Amino acid sequence: MAGSPHKLFYKGKENDFVLFIDDPELLSKYRKDIDTKGSSTIPIIDLVSIFKVFVNRQKGVDGILDEASKLDLLNDFGSSNIDLVIKIILEKGDDKSGAHAIGDTTASTNDSKGARDSGN
């Protein structure tokens, strides 16, 4: 299992959604295990880090994430059923493991140059 959660990104019609998963290898097994009825023997609770779907109103995978409202889910997925929405994102979402997870901070890597190179 990975040390920090991975972001699973799903581009909706109106919003961009993020789901946090613990183990991308288990996600791969889950996707291979899905049958014709859309079911898997791997429980979704074993895949997700936090049983919540997040929305980024700024678009994309990075930025400030808010918990998706039932209206957000209904507008993009046609259902506000969190289990159904999580299954859709697990099946169709893109693993953005290089993106920052919850609690990650980013330090500037260009502090030594200061404003002198910016033309100001």
PDB file of N, CA and C in Angstrom:
ATOM      1  N   MET A   1       0.843  -1.178   0.000  1.00  0.00           N
ATOM      2  CA  MET A   1       0.000   0.000   0.000  1.00  0.00           C
ATOM      3  C   MET A   1       0.887   1.240   0.000  1.00  0.00           C
ATOM      4  N   ALA A   2       0.508   2.228  -0.722  1.00  0.00           N
ATOM      5  CA  ALA A   2       1.290   3.455  -0.872  1.00  0.00           C
ATOM      6  C   ALA A   2       1.272   4.263   0.425  1.00  0.00           C
ATOM      7  N   GLY A   3       2.262   5.140   0.606  1.00  0.00           N
ATOM      8  CA  GLY A   3       2.358   5.943   1.802  1.00  0.00           C
ATOM      9  C   GLY A   3       1.325   7.039   1.888  1.00  0.00           C
ATOM     10  N   SER A   4       0.984   7.654   0.784  1.00  0.00           N
ATOM     11  CA  SER A   4      -0.013   8.724   0.808  1.00  0.00           C
ATOM     12  C   SER A   4      -1.093   8.428  -0.222  1.00  0.00           C
ATOM     13  N   PRO A   5      -2.278   8.968  -0.009  1.00  0.00           N
ATOM     14  CA  PRO A   5      -3.380   8.693  -0.933  1.00  0.00           C
ATOM     15  C   PRO A   5      -3.103   9.216  -2.340  1.00  0.00           C
ATOM     16  N   HIS A   6      -3.681   8.562  -3.300  1.00  0.00           N
ATOM     17  CA  HIS A   6      -3.609   8.978  -4.697  1.00  0.00           C
ATOM     18  C   HIS A   6      -4.916   9.659  -5.048  1.00  0.00           C
ATOM     19  N   LYS A   7      -4.828  10.674  -5.904  1.00  0.00           N
ATOM     20  CA  LYS A   7      -6.025  11.348  -6.386  1.00  0.00           C
ATOM     21  C   LYS A   7      -6.524  10.643  -7.634  1.00  0.00           C
ATOM     22  N   LEU A   8      -7.792  10.315  -7.623  1.00  0.00           N
ATOM     23  CA  LEU A   8      -8.441   9.771  -8.799  1.00  0.00           C
ATOM     24  C   LEU A   8      -9.317  10.894  -9.333  1.00  0.00           C
ATOM     25  N   PHE A   9      -9.019  11.354 -10.549  1.00  0.00           N
ATOM     26  CA  PHE A   9      -9.654  12.528 -11.143  1.00  0.00           C
ATOM     27  C   PHE A   9     -10.718  12.102 -12.147  1.00  0.00           C
ATOM     28  N   TYR A  10     -11.875  12.765 -12.086  1.00  0.00           N
ATOM     29  CA  TYR A  10     -12.960  12.505 -13.030  1.00  0.00           C
ATOM     30  C   TYR A  10     -13.483  13.842 -13.543  1.00  0.00           C
ATOM     31  N   LYS A  11     -13.422  14.051 -14.852  1.00  0.00           N
ATOM     32  CA  LYS A  11     -13.919  15.292 -15.457  1.00  0.00           C
ATOM     33  C   LYS A  11     -15.401  15.119 -15.748  1.00  0.00           C
ATOM     34  N   GLY A  12     -16.221  15.850 -15.016  1.00  0.00           N
ATOM     35  CA  GLY A  12     -17.663  15.803 -15.207  1.00  0.00           C
ATOM     36  C   GLY A  12     -18.123  16.811 -16.238  1.00  0.00           C
ATOM     37  N   LYS A  13     -19.423  16.860 -16.455  1.00  0.00           N
ATOM     38  CA  LYS A  13     -20.003  17.814 -17.411  1.00  0.00           C
ATOM     39  C   LYS A  13     -19.866  19.247 -16.915  1.00  0.00           C
ATOM     40  N   GLU A  14     -20.107  19.427 -15.607  1.00  0.00           N
ATOM     41  CA  GLU A  14     -20.083  20.773 -15.040  1.00  0.00           C
ATOM     42  C   GLU A  14     -18.917  21.013 -14.091  1.00  0.00           C
ATOM     43  N   ASN A  15     -18.462  19.959 -13.425  1.00  0.00           N
ATOM     44  CA  ASN A  15     -17.413  20.083 -12.415  1.00  0.00           C
ATOM     45  C   ASN A  15     -16.355  19.007 -12.610  1.00  0.00           C
ATOM     46  N   ASP A  16     -15.218  19.218 -11.965  1.00  0.00           N
ATOM     47  CA  ASP A  16     -14.169  18.213 -11.909  1.00  0.00           C
ATOM     48  C   ASP A  16     -14.203  17.607 -10.512  1.00  0.00           C
ATOM     49  N   PHE A  17     -14.130  16.270 -10.455  1.00  0.00           N
ATOM     50  CA  PHE A  17     -14.275  15.560  -9.191  1.00  0.00           C
ATOM     51  C   PHE A  17     -12.991  14.822  -8.852  1.00  0.00           C
ATOM     52  N   VAL A  18     -12.754  14.664  -7.542  1.00  0.00           N
ATOM     53  CA  VAL A  18     -11.577  13.966  -7.041  1.00  0.00           C
ATOM     54  C   VAL A  18     -12.031  12.982  -5.972  1.00  0.00           C
ATOM     55  N   LEU A  19     -11.462  11.781  -6.050  1.00  0.00           N
ATOM     56  CA  LEU A  19     -11.681  10.738  -5.064  1.00  0.00           C
ATOM     57  C   LEU A  19     -10.297  10.282  -4.630  1.00  0.00           C
ATOM     58  N   PHE A  20     -10.103  10.056  -3.348  1.00  0.00           N
ATOM     59  CA  PHE A  20      -8.801   9.619  -2.851  1.00  0.00           C
ATOM     60  C   PHE A  20      -8.797   8.111  -2.661  1.00  0.00           C
ATOM     61  N   ILE A  21      -7.785   7.462  -3.243  1.00  0.00           N
ATOM     62  CA  ILE A  21      -7.618   6.017  -3.099  1.00  0.00           C
ATOM     63  C   ILE A  21      -6.271   5.739  -2.449  1.00  0.00           C
ATOM     64  N   ASP A  22      -6.161   4.571  -1.804  1.00  0.00           N
ATOM     65  CA  ASP A  22      -4.915   4.216  -1.120  1.00  0.00           C
ATOM     66  C   ASP A  22      -3.943   3.457  -1.997  1.00  0.00           C
ATOM     67  N   ASP A  23      -4.461   2.588  -2.859  1.00  0.00           N
ATOM     68  CA  ASP A  23      -3.596   1.632  -3.539  1.00  0.00           C
ATOM     69  C   ASP A  23      -3.940   1.531  -5.025  1.00  0.00           C
ATOM     70  N   PRO A  24      -3.125   2.146  -5.901  1.00  0.00           N
ATOM     71  CA  PRO A  24      -3.408   2.093  -7.330  1.00  0.00           C
ATOM     72  C   PRO A  24      -3.376   0.671  -7.899  1.00  0.00           C
ATOM     73  N   GLU A  25      -2.569  -0.211  -7.291  1.00  0.00           N
ATOM     74  CA  GLU A  25      -2.532  -1.601  -7.767  1.00  0.00           C
ATOM     75  C   GLU A  25      -3.855  -2.305  -7.484  1.00  0.00           C
ATOM     76  N   LEU A  26      -4.448  -2.037  -6.323  1.00  0.00           N
ATOM     77  CA  LEU A  26      -5.745  -2.612  -5.993  1.00  0.00           C
ATOM     78  C   LEU A  26      -6.825  -2.048  -6.917  1.00  0.00           C
ATOM     79  N   LEU A  27      -6.690  -0.773  -7.290  1.00  0.00           N
ATOM     80  CA  LEU A  27      -7.625  -0.183  -8.247  1.00  0.00           C
ATOM     81  C   LEU A  27      -7.548  -0.910  -9.581  1.00  0.00           C
ATOM     82  N   SER A  28      -6.354  -1.223 -10.015  1.00  0.00           N
ATOM     83  CA  SER A  28      -6.168  -1.946 -11.265  1.00  0.00           C
ATOM     84  C   SER A  28      -6.832  -3.326 -11.189  1.00  0.00           C
ATOM     85  N   LYS A  29      -6.665  -4.015 -10.071  1.00  0.00           N
ATOM     86  CA  LYS A  29      -7.310  -5.318  -9.871  1.00  0.00           C
ATOM     87  C   LYS A  29      -8.833  -5.163  -9.853  1.00  0.00           C
ATOM     88  N   TYR A  30      -9.308  -4.102  -9.197  1.00  0.00           N
ATOM     89  CA  TYR A  30     -10.754  -3.828  -9.138  1.00  0.00           C
ATOM     90  C   TYR A  30     -11.321  -3.656 -10.547  1.00  0.00           C
ATOM     91  N   ARG A  31     -10.634  -2.861 -11.368  1.00  0.00           N
ATOM     92  CA  ARG A  31     -11.110  -2.603 -12.727  1.00  0.00           C
ATOM     93  C   ARG A  31     -11.128  -3.872 -13.577  1.00  0.00           C
ATOM     94  N   LYS A  32     -10.150  -4.738 -13.403  1.00  0.00           N
ATOM     95  CA  LYS A  32     -10.111  -6.000 -14.145  1.00  0.00           C
ATOM     96  C   LYS A  32     -11.186  -6.968 -13.656  1.00  0.00           C
ATOM     97  N   ASP A  33     -11.591  -6.822 -12.405  1.00  0.00           N
ATOM     98  CA  ASP A  33     -12.533  -7.738 -11.760  1.00  0.00           C
ATOM     99  C   ASP A  33     -14.005  -7.377 -12.022  1.00  0.00           C
ATOM    100  N   ILE A  34     -14.262  -6.205 -12.591  1.00  0.00           N
ATOM    101  CA  ILE A  34     -15.648  -5.757 -12.804  1.00  0.00           C
ATOM    102  C   ILE A  34     -16.326  -6.672 -13.821  1.00  0.00           C
ATOM    103  N   ASP A  35     -17.500  -7.168 -13.445  1.00  0.00           N
ATOM    104  CA  ASP A  35     -18.240  -8.059 -14.341  1.00  0.00           C
ATOM    105  C   ASP A  35     -19.202  -7.269 -15.226  1.00  0.00           C
ATOM    106  N   THR A  36     -19.981  -7.972 -16.017  1.00  0.00           N
ATOM    107  CA  THR A  36     -20.897  -7.317 -16.967  1.00  0.00           C
ATOM    108  C   THR A  36     -21.986  -6.512 -16.265  1.00  0.00           C
ATOM    109  N   LYS A  37     -22.246  -6.791 -15.000  1.00  0.00           N
ATOM    110  CA  LYS A  37     -23.259  -6.046 -14.243  1.00  0.00           C
ATOM    111  C   LYS A  37     -22.647  -4.848 -13.505  1.00  0.00           C
ATOM    112  N   GLY A  38     -21.338  -4.644 -13.677  1.00  0.00           N
ATOM    113  CA  GLY A  38     -20.670  -3.525 -13.031  1.00  0.00           C
ATOM    114  C   GLY A  38     -20.263  -3.794 -11.600  1.00  0.00           C
ATOM    115  N   SER A  39     -20.240  -5.061 -11.202  1.00  0.00           N
ATOM    116  CA  SER A  39     -19.873  -5.425  -9.837  1.00  0.00           C
ATOM    117  C   SER A  39     -18.466  -6.001  -9.792  1.00  0.00           C
ATOM    118  N   SER A  40     -17.869  -5.919  -8.604  1.00  0.00           N
ATOM    119  CA  SER A  40     -16.542  -6.471  -8.386  1.00  0.00           C
ATOM    120  C   SER A  40     -16.545  -7.219  -7.060  1.00  0.00           C
ATOM    121  N   THR A  41     -15.681  -8.213  -6.947  1.00  0.00           N
ATOM    122  CA  THR A  41     -15.564  -8.920  -5.673  1.00  0.00           C
ATOM    123  C   THR A  41     -14.761  -8.102  -4.664  1.00  0.00           C
ATOM    124  N   ILE A  42     -14.088  -7.049  -5.130  1.00  0.00           N
ATOM    125  CA  ILE A  42     -13.318  -6.172  -4.247  1.00  0.00           C
ATOM    126  C   ILE A  42     -14.245  -5.060  -3.753  1.00  0.00           C
ATOM    127  N   PRO A  43     -14.476  -4.985  -2.445  1.00  0.00           N
ATOM    128  CA  PRO A  43     -15.352  -3.935  -1.912  1.00  0.00           C
ATOM    129  C   PRO A  43     -14.745  -2.546  -2.104  1.00  0.00           C
ATOM    130  N   ILE A  44     -15.591  -1.564  -2.462  1.00  0.00           N
ATOM    131  CA  ILE A  44     -15.071  -0.213  -2.707  1.00  0.00           C
ATOM    132  C   ILE A  44     -14.483   0.405  -1.443  1.00  0.00           C
ATOM    133  N   ILE A  45     -14.949  -0.029  -0.294  1.00  0.00           N
ATOM    134  CA  ILE A  45     -14.415   0.513   0.953  1.00  0.00           C
ATOM    135  C   ILE A  45     -12.929   0.166   1.113  1.00  0.00           C
ATOM    136  N   ASP A  46     -12.479  -0.919   0.457  1.00  0.00           N
ATOM    137  CA  ASP A  46     -11.062  -1.294   0.493  1.00  0.00           C
ATOM    138  C   ASP A  46     -10.210  -0.397  -0.406  1.00  0.00           C
ATOM    139  N   LEU A  47     -10.846   0.313  -1.320  1.00  0.00           N
ATOM    140  CA  LEU A  47     -10.129   1.143  -2.289  1.00  0.00           C
ATOM    141  C   LEU A  47      -9.998   2.597  -1.867  1.00  0.00           C
ATOM    142  N   VAL A  48     -11.060   3.157  -1.318  1.00  0.00           N
ATOM    143  CA  VAL A  48     -11.076   4.596  -1.066  1.00  0.00           C
ATOM    144  C   VAL A  48     -10.453   4.941   0.278  1.00  0.00           C
ATOM    145  N   SER A  49      -9.722   6.050   0.309  1.00  0.00           N
ATOM    146  CA  SER A  49      -9.103   6.537   1.537  1.00  0.00           C
ATOM    147  C   SER A  49     -10.134   7.224   2.418  1.00  0.00           C
ATOM    148  N   ILE A  50     -10.944   8.032   1.787  1.00  0.00           N
ATOM    149  CA  ILE A  50     -11.985   8.810   2.455  1.00  0.00           C
ATOM    150  C   ILE A  50     -13.258   8.579   1.660  1.00  0.00           C
ATOM    151  N   PHE A  51     -14.306   8.140   2.316  1.00  0.00           N
ATOM    152  CA  PHE A  51     -15.535   7.806   1.610  1.00  0.00           C
ATOM    153  C   PHE A  51     -16.331   9.072   1.290  1.00  0.00           C
ATOM    154  N   LYS A  52     -15.674   9.971   0.549  1.00  0.00           N
ATOM    155  CA  LYS A  52     -16.284  11.237   0.115  1.00  0.00           C
ATOM    156  C   LYS A  52     -15.781  11.555  -1.278  1.00  0.00           C
ATOM    157  N   VAL A  53     -16.604  12.258  -2.028  1.00  0.00           N
ATOM    158  CA  VAL A  53     -16.220  12.753  -3.350  1.00  0.00           C
ATOM    159  C   VAL A  53     -16.020  14.253  -3.217  1.00  0.00           C
ATOM    160  N   PHE A  54     -14.933  14.727  -3.786  1.00  0.00           N
ATOM    161  CA  PHE A  54     -14.613  16.149  -3.716  1.00  0.00           C
ATOM    162  C   PHE A  54     -14.768  16.787  -5.092  1.00  0.00           C
ATOM    163  N   VAL A  55     -15.054  18.084  -5.081  1.00  0.00           N
ATOM    164  CA  VAL A  55     -15.210  18.837  -6.318  1.00  0.00           C
ATOM    165  C   VAL A  55     -14.212  19.988  -6.297  1.00  0.00           C
ATOM    166  N   ASN A  56     -13.643  20.267  -7.479  1.00  0.00           N
ATOM    167  CA  ASN A  56     -12.745  21.403  -7.631  1.00  0.00           C
ATOM    168  C   ASN A  56     -13.438  22.394  -8.546  1.00  0.00           C
ATOM    169  N   ARG A  57     -13.922  23.451  -7.995  1.00  0.00           N
ATOM    170  CA  ARG A  57     -14.656  24.450  -8.784  1.00  0.00           C
ATOM    171  C   ARG A  57     -13.711  25.294  -9.642  1.00  0.00           C
ATOM    172  N   GLN A  58     -12.398  25.180  -9.403  1.00  0.00           N
ATOM    173  CA  GLN A  58     -11.413  25.901 -10.202  1.00  0.00           C
ATOM    174  C   GLN A  58     -10.988  25.083 -11.412  1.00  0.00           C
ATOM    175  N   LYS A  59     -11.513  23.897 -11.547  1.00  0.00           N
ATOM    176  CA  LYS A  59     -11.228  22.947 -12.637  1.00  0.00           C
ATOM    177  C   LYS A  59      -9.861  22.319 -12.450  1.00  0.00           C
ATOM    178  N   GLY A  60      -9.743  21.089 -12.856  1.00  0.00           N
ATOM    179  CA  GLY A  60      -8.495  20.356 -12.772  1.00  0.00           C
ATOM    180  C   GLY A  60      -8.386  19.556 -11.494  1.00  0.00           C
ATOM    181  N   VAL A  61      -7.238  18.919 -11.322  1.00  0.00           N
ATOM    182  CA  VAL A  61      -7.030  18.035 -10.181  1.00  0.00           C
ATOM    183  C   VAL A  61      -6.448  18.779  -8.985  1.00  0.00           C
ATOM    184  N   ASP A  62      -5.695  19.861  -9.218  1.00  0.00           N
ATOM    185  CA  ASP A  62      -5.124  20.638  -8.134  1.00  0.00           C
ATOM    186  C   ASP A  62      -5.997  21.842  -7.840  1.00  0.00           C
ATOM    187  N   GLY A  63      -5.868  22.356  -6.656  1.00  0.00           N
ATOM    188  CA  GLY A  63      -6.662  23.504  -6.245  1.00  0.00           C
ATOM    189  C   GLY A  63      -7.405  23.172  -4.968  1.00  0.00           C
ATOM    190  N   ILE A  64      -8.280  24.062  -4.580  1.00  0.00           N
ATOM    191  CA  ILE A  64      -9.041  23.884  -3.348  1.00  0.00           C
ATOM    192  C   ILE A  64     -10.181  22.919  -3.614  1.00  0.00           C
ATOM    193  N   LEU A  65     -10.250  21.871  -2.812  1.00  0.00           N
ATOM    194  CA  LEU A  65     -11.289  20.865  -2.969  1.00  0.00           C
ATOM    195  C   LEU A  65     -12.357  21.049  -1.901  1.00  0.00           C
ATOM    196  N   ASP A  66     -13.610  21.015  -2.330  1.00  0.00           N
ATOM    197  CA  ASP A  66     -14.754  21.033  -1.427  1.00  0.00           C
ATOM    198  C   ASP A  66     -15.445  19.690  -1.550  1.00  0.00           C
ATOM    199  N   GLU A  67     -16.114  19.276  -0.491  1.00  0.00           N
ATOM    200  CA  GLU A  67     -16.913  18.065  -0.600  1.00  0.00           C
ATOM    201  C   GLU A  67     -18.048  18.332  -1.585  1.00  0.00           C
ATOM    202  N   ALA A  68     -18.254  17.423  -2.522  1.00  0.00           N
ATOM    203  CA  ALA A  68     -19.302  17.598  -3.531  1.00  0.00           C
ATOM    204  C   ALA A  68     -20.670  17.519  -2.863  1.00  0.00           C
ATOM    205  N   SER A  69     -21.546  18.426  -3.242  1.00  0.00           N
ATOM    206  CA  SER A  69     -22.907  18.415  -2.711  1.00  0.00           C
ATOM    207  C   SER A  69     -23.748  17.391  -3.470  1.00  0.00           C
ATOM    208  N   LYS A  70     -24.896  17.061  -2.921  1.00  0.00           N
ATOM    209  CA  LYS A  70     -25.799  16.133  -3.616  1.00  0.00           C
ATOM    210  C   LYS A  70     -26.211  16.704  -4.965  1.00  0.00           C
ATOM    211  N   LEU A  71     -26.381  18.027  -5.049  1.00  0.00           N
ATOM    212  CA  LEU A  71     -26.736  18.667  -6.306  1.00  0.00           C
ATOM    213  C   LEU A  71     -25.604  18.544  -7.329  1.00  0.00           C
ATOM    214  N   ASP A  72     -24.360  18.725  -6.874  1.00  0.00           N
ATOM    215  CA  ASP A  72     -23.198  18.536  -7.767  1.00  0.00           C
ATOM    216  C   ASP A  72     -23.214  17.130  -8.359  1.00  0.00           C
ATOM    217  N   LEU A  73     -23.421  16.143  -7.496  1.00  0.00           N
ATOM    218  CA  LEU A  73     -23.426  14.742  -7.939  1.00  0.00           C
ATOM    219  C   LEU A  73     -24.594  14.476  -8.881  1.00  0.00           C
ATOM    220  N   LEU A  74     -25.752  14.981  -8.535  1.00  0.00           N
ATOM    221  CA  LEU A  74     -26.947  14.779  -9.364  1.00  0.00           C
ATOM    222  C   LEU A  74     -26.766  15.401 -10.745  1.00  0.00           C
ATOM    223  N   ASN A  75     -26.206  16.598 -10.806  1.00  0.00           N
ATOM    224  CA  ASN A  75     -26.016  17.284 -12.089  1.00  0.00           C
ATOM    225  C   ASN A  75     -25.031  16.557 -13.004  1.00  0.00           C
ATOM    226  N   ASP A  76     -23.971  16.008 -12.440  1.00  0.00           N
ATOM    227  CA  ASP A  76     -22.940  15.390 -13.268  1.00  0.00           C
ATOM    228  C   ASP A  76     -23.105  13.882 -13.462  1.00  0.00           C
ATOM    229  N   PHE A  77     -23.690  13.209 -12.485  1.00  0.00           N
ATOM    230  CA  PHE A  77     -23.782  11.752 -12.556  1.00  0.00           C
ATOM    231  C   PHE A  77     -25.220  11.246 -12.704  1.00  0.00           C
ATOM    232  N   GLY A  78     -26.191  12.146 -12.590  1.00  0.00           N
ATOM    233  CA  GLY A  78     -27.589  11.731 -12.682  1.00  0.00           C
ATOM    234  C   GLY A  78     -28.083  11.038 -11.427  1.00  0.00           C
ATOM    235  N   SER A  79     -27.275  11.056 -10.373  1.00  0.00           N
ATOM    236  CA  SER A  79     -27.636  10.433  -9.104  1.00  0.00           C
ATOM    237  C   SER A  79     -26.856  11.107  -7.989  1.00  0.00           C
ATOM    238  N   SER A  80     -27.467  11.173  -6.815  1.00  0.00           N
ATOM    239  CA  SER A  80     -26.746  11.689  -5.653  1.00  0.00           C
ATOM    240  C   SER A  80     -26.325  10.541  -4.734  1.00  0.00           C
ATOM    241  N   ASN A  81     -26.484   9.297  -5.196  1.00  0.00           N
ATOM    242  CA  ASN A  81     -26.081   8.116  -4.435  1.00  0.00           C
ATOM    243  C   ASN A  81     -24.558   8.030  -4.424  1.00  0.00           C
ATOM    244  N   ILE A  82     -23.963   8.243  -3.261  1.00  0.00           N
ATOM    245  CA  ILE A  82     -22.507   8.318  -3.146  1.00  0.00           C
ATOM    246  C   ILE A  82     -21.835   7.010  -3.558  1.00  0.00           C
ATOM    247  N   ASP A  83     -22.431   5.870  -3.235  1.00  0.00           N
ATOM    248  CA  ASP A  83     -21.849   4.578  -3.627  1.00  0.00           C
ATOM    249  C   ASP A  83     -21.767   4.456  -5.142  1.00  0.00           C
ATOM    250  N   LEU A  84     -22.832   4.832  -5.831  1.00  0.00           N
ATOM    251  CA  LEU A  84     -22.865   4.762  -7.297  1.00  0.00           C
ATOM    252  C   LEU A  84     -21.832   5.710  -7.907  1.00  0.00           C
ATOM    253  N   VAL A  85     -21.761   6.927  -7.389  1.00  0.00           N
ATOM    254  CA  VAL A  85     -20.817   7.923  -7.905  1.00  0.00           C
ATOM    255  C   VAL A  85     -19.378   7.449  -7.699  1.00  0.00           C
ATOM    256  N   ILE A  86     -19.075   6.914  -6.523  1.00  0.00           N
ATOM    257  CA  ILE A  86     -17.726   6.415  -6.256  1.00  0.00           C
ATOM    258  C   ILE A  86     -17.382   5.285  -7.224  1.00  0.00           C
ATOM    259  N   LYS A  87     -18.315   4.391  -7.478  1.00  0.00           N
ATOM    260  CA  LYS A  87     -18.069   3.296  -8.432  1.00  0.00           C
ATOM    261  C   LYS A  87     -17.758   3.838  -9.822  1.00  0.00           C
ATOM    262  N   ILE A  88     -18.496   4.862 -10.255  1.00  0.00           N
ATOM    263  CA  ILE A  88     -18.248   5.467 -11.573  1.00  0.00           C
ATOM    264  C   ILE A  88     -16.847   6.064 -11.634  1.00  0.00           C
ATOM    265  N   ILE A  89     -16.469   6.795 -10.598  1.00  0.00           N
ATOM    266  CA  ILE A  89     -15.143   7.420 -10.577  1.00  0.00           C
ATOM    267  C   ILE A  89     -14.046   6.353 -10.507  1.00  0.00           C
ATOM    268  N   LEU A  90     -14.275   5.285  -9.740  1.00  0.00           N
ATOM    269  CA  LEU A  90     -13.298   4.198  -9.674  1.00  0.00           C
ATOM    270  C   LEU A  90     -13.109   3.549 -11.039  1.00  0.00           C
ATOM    271  N   GLU A  91     -14.194   3.387 -11.785  1.00  0.00           N
ATOM    272  CA  GLU A  91     -14.121   2.735 -13.090  1.00  0.00           C
ATOM    273  C   GLU A  91     -13.532   3.643 -14.167  1.00  0.00           C
ATOM    274  N   LYS A  92     -13.869   4.936 -14.139  1.00  0.00           N
ATOM    275  CA  LYS A  92     -13.537   5.820 -15.253  1.00  0.00           C
ATOM    276  C   LYS A  92     -12.559   6.937 -14.922  1.00  0.00           C
ATOM    277  N   GLY A  93     -12.208   7.088 -13.657  1.00  0.00           N
ATOM    278  CA  GLY A  93     -11.329   8.176 -13.258  1.00  0.00           C
ATOM    279  C   GLY A  93      -9.880   7.932 -13.648  1.00  0.00           C
ATOM    280  N   ASP A  94      -9.111   9.002 -13.696  1.00  0.00           N
ATOM    281  CA  ASP A  94      -7.684   8.945 -14.017  1.00  0.00           C
ATOM    282  C   ASP A  94      -6.876   9.109 -12.737  1.00  0.00           C
ATOM    283  N   ASP A  95      -5.915   8.202 -12.516  1.00  0.00           N
ATOM    284  CA  ASP A  95      -5.052   8.282 -11.341  1.00  0.00           C
ATOM    285  C   ASP A  95      -4.070   9.434 -11.532  1.00  0.00           C
ATOM    286  N   LYS A  96      -4.164  10.394 -10.668  1.00  0.00           N
ATOM    287  CA  LYS A  96      -3.261  11.553 -10.709  1.00  0.00           C
ATOM    288  C   LYS A  96      -2.303  11.466  -9.536  1.00  0.00           C
ATOM    289  N   SER A  97      -1.553  10.377  -9.484  1.00  0.00           N
ATOM    290  CA  SER A  97      -0.684  10.115  -8.341  1.00  0.00           C
ATOM    291  C   SER A  97       0.415  11.157  -8.169  1.00  0.00           C
ATOM    292  N   GLY A  98       0.751  11.877  -9.223  1.00  0.00           N
ATOM    293  CA  GLY A  98       1.759  12.925  -9.111  1.00  0.00           C
ATOM    294  C   GLY A  98       1.199  14.201  -8.527  1.00  0.00           C
ATOM    295  N   ALA A  99      -0.124  14.299  -8.441  1.00  0.00           N
ATOM    296  CA  ALA A  99      -0.762  15.496  -7.886  1.00  0.00           C
ATOM    297  C   ALA A  99      -0.678  15.441  -6.364  1.00  0.00           C
ATOM    298  N   HIS A 100      -0.869  16.562  -5.730  1.00  0.00           N
ATOM    299  CA  HIS A 100      -0.738  16.648  -4.283  1.00  0.00           C
ATOM    300  C   HIS A 100      -1.925  16.004  -3.591  1.00  0.00           C
ATOM    301  N   ALA A 101      -1.651  15.254  -2.548  1.00  0.00           N
ATOM    302  CA  ALA A 101      -2.699  14.617  -1.750  1.00  0.00           C
ATOM    303  C   ALA A 101      -3.061  15.525  -0.587  1.00  0.00           C
ATOM    304  N   ILE A 102      -4.002  15.091   0.203  1.00  0.00           N
ATOM    305  CA  ILE A 102      -4.451  15.864   1.356  1.00  0.00           C
ATOM    306  C   ILE A 102      -3.268  16.150   2.265  1.00  0.00           C
ATOM    307  N   GLY A 103      -3.130  17.395   2.664  1.00  0.00           N
ATOM    308  CA  GLY A 103      -2.087  17.771   3.598  1.00  0.00           C
ATOM    309  C   GLY A 103      -0.736  18.053   2.972  1.00  0.00           C
ATOM    310  N   ASP A 104      -0.581  17.803   1.693  1.00  0.00           N
ATOM    311  CA  ASP A 104       0.699  18.094   1.054  1.00  0.00           C
ATOM    312  C   ASP A 104       0.892  19.600   0.962  1.00  0.00           C
ATOM    313  N   THR A 105       2.119  20.014   1.117  1.00  0.00           N
ATOM    314  CA  THR A 105       2.435  21.425   0.934  1.00  0.00           C
ATOM    315  C   THR A 105       3.522  21.523  -0.115  1.00  0.00           C
ATOM    316  N   THR A 106       3.539  22.618  -0.800  1.00  0.00           N
ATOM    317  CA  THR A 106       4.533  22.807  -1.837  1.00  0.00           C
ATOM    318  C   THR A 106       5.386  24.013  -1.485  1.00  0.00           C
ATOM    319  N   ALA A 107       6.673  23.822  -1.404  1.00  0.00           N
ATOM    320  CA  ALA A 107       7.592  24.919  -1.136  1.00  0.00           C
ATOM    321  C   ALA A 107       8.059  25.487  -2.466  1.00  0.00           C
ATOM    322  N   SER A 108       8.351  26.757  -2.463  1.00  0.00           N
ATOM    323  CA  SER A 108       8.864  27.387  -3.665  1.00  0.00           C
ATOM    324  C   SER A 108      10.245  26.827  -3.982  1.00  0.00           C
ATOM    325  N   THR A 109      10.512  26.600  -5.262  1.00  0.00           N
ATOM    326  CA  THR A 109      11.820  26.087  -5.657  1.00  0.00           C
ATOM    327  C   THR A 109      12.654  27.177  -6.323  1.00  0.00           C
ATOM    328  N   ASN A 110      12.195  28.421  -6.256  1.00  0.00           N
ATOM    329  CA  ASN A 110      12.867  29.491  -6.970  1.00  0.00           C
ATOM    330  C   ASN A 110      13.118  30.685  -6.050  1.00  0.00           C
ATOM    331  N   ASP A 111      13.282  30.445  -4.759  1.00  0.00           N
ATOM    332  CA  ASP A 111      13.439  31.538  -3.808  1.00  0.00           C
ATOM    333  C   ASP A 111      14.733  32.328  -4.017  1.00  0.00           C
ATOM    334  N   SER A 112      15.801  31.682  -4.475  1.00  0.00           N
ATOM    335  CA  SER A 112      17.094  32.353  -4.566  1.00  0.00           C
ATOM    336  C   SER A 112      17.122  33.413  -5.655  1.00  0.00           C
ATOM    337  N   LYS A 113      16.264  33.317  -6.647  1.00  0.00           N
ATOM    338  CA  LYS A 113      16.285  34.283  -7.743  1.00  0.00           C
ATOM    339  C   LYS A 113      15.565  35.576  -7.391  1.00  0.00           C
ATOM    340  N   GLY A 114      14.563  35.500  -6.529  1.00  0.00           N
ATOM    341  CA  GLY A 114      13.856  36.713  -6.116  1.00  0.00           C
ATOM    342  C   GLY A 114      13.224  37.426  -7.288  1.00  0.00           C
ATOM    343  N   ALA A 115      12.956  38.719  -7.137  1.00  0.00           N
ATOM    344  CA  ALA A 115      12.271  39.513  -8.152  1.00  0.00           C
ATOM    345  C   ALA A 115      13.206  40.007  -9.248  1.00  0.00           C
ATOM    346  N   ARG A 116      14.528  39.913  -9.037  1.00  0.00           N
ATOM    347  CA  ARG A 116      15.455  40.495 -10.010  1.00  0.00           C
ATOM    348  C   ARG A 116      15.338  39.870 -11.398  1.00  0.00           C
ATOM    349  N   ASP A 117      14.926  38.595 -11.513  1.00  0.00           N
ATOM    350  CA  ASP A 117      14.817  37.955 -12.812  1.00  0.00           C
ATOM    351  C   ASP A 117      13.428  38.077 -13.422  1.00  0.00           C
ATOM    352  N   SER A 118      12.512  38.728 -12.709  1.00  0.00           N
ATOM    353  CA  SER A 118      11.134  38.802 -13.203  1.00  0.00           C
ATOM    354  C   SER A 118      10.885  40.026 -14.077  1.00  0.00           C
ATOM    355  N   GLY A 119      11.869  40.900 -14.185  1.00  0.00           N
ATOM    356  CA  GLY A 119      11.696  42.101 -14.999  1.00  0.00           C
ATOM    357  C   GLY A 119      11.076  43.250 -14.236  1.00  0.00           C
ATOM    358  N   ASN A 120      10.901  43.084 -12.940  1.00  0.00           N
ATOM    359  CA  ASN A 120      10.309  44.162 -12.119  1.00  0.00           C
ATOM    360  C   ASN A 120      11.363  45.105 -11.610  1.00  0.00           C
TER     361      ASN A 120
END
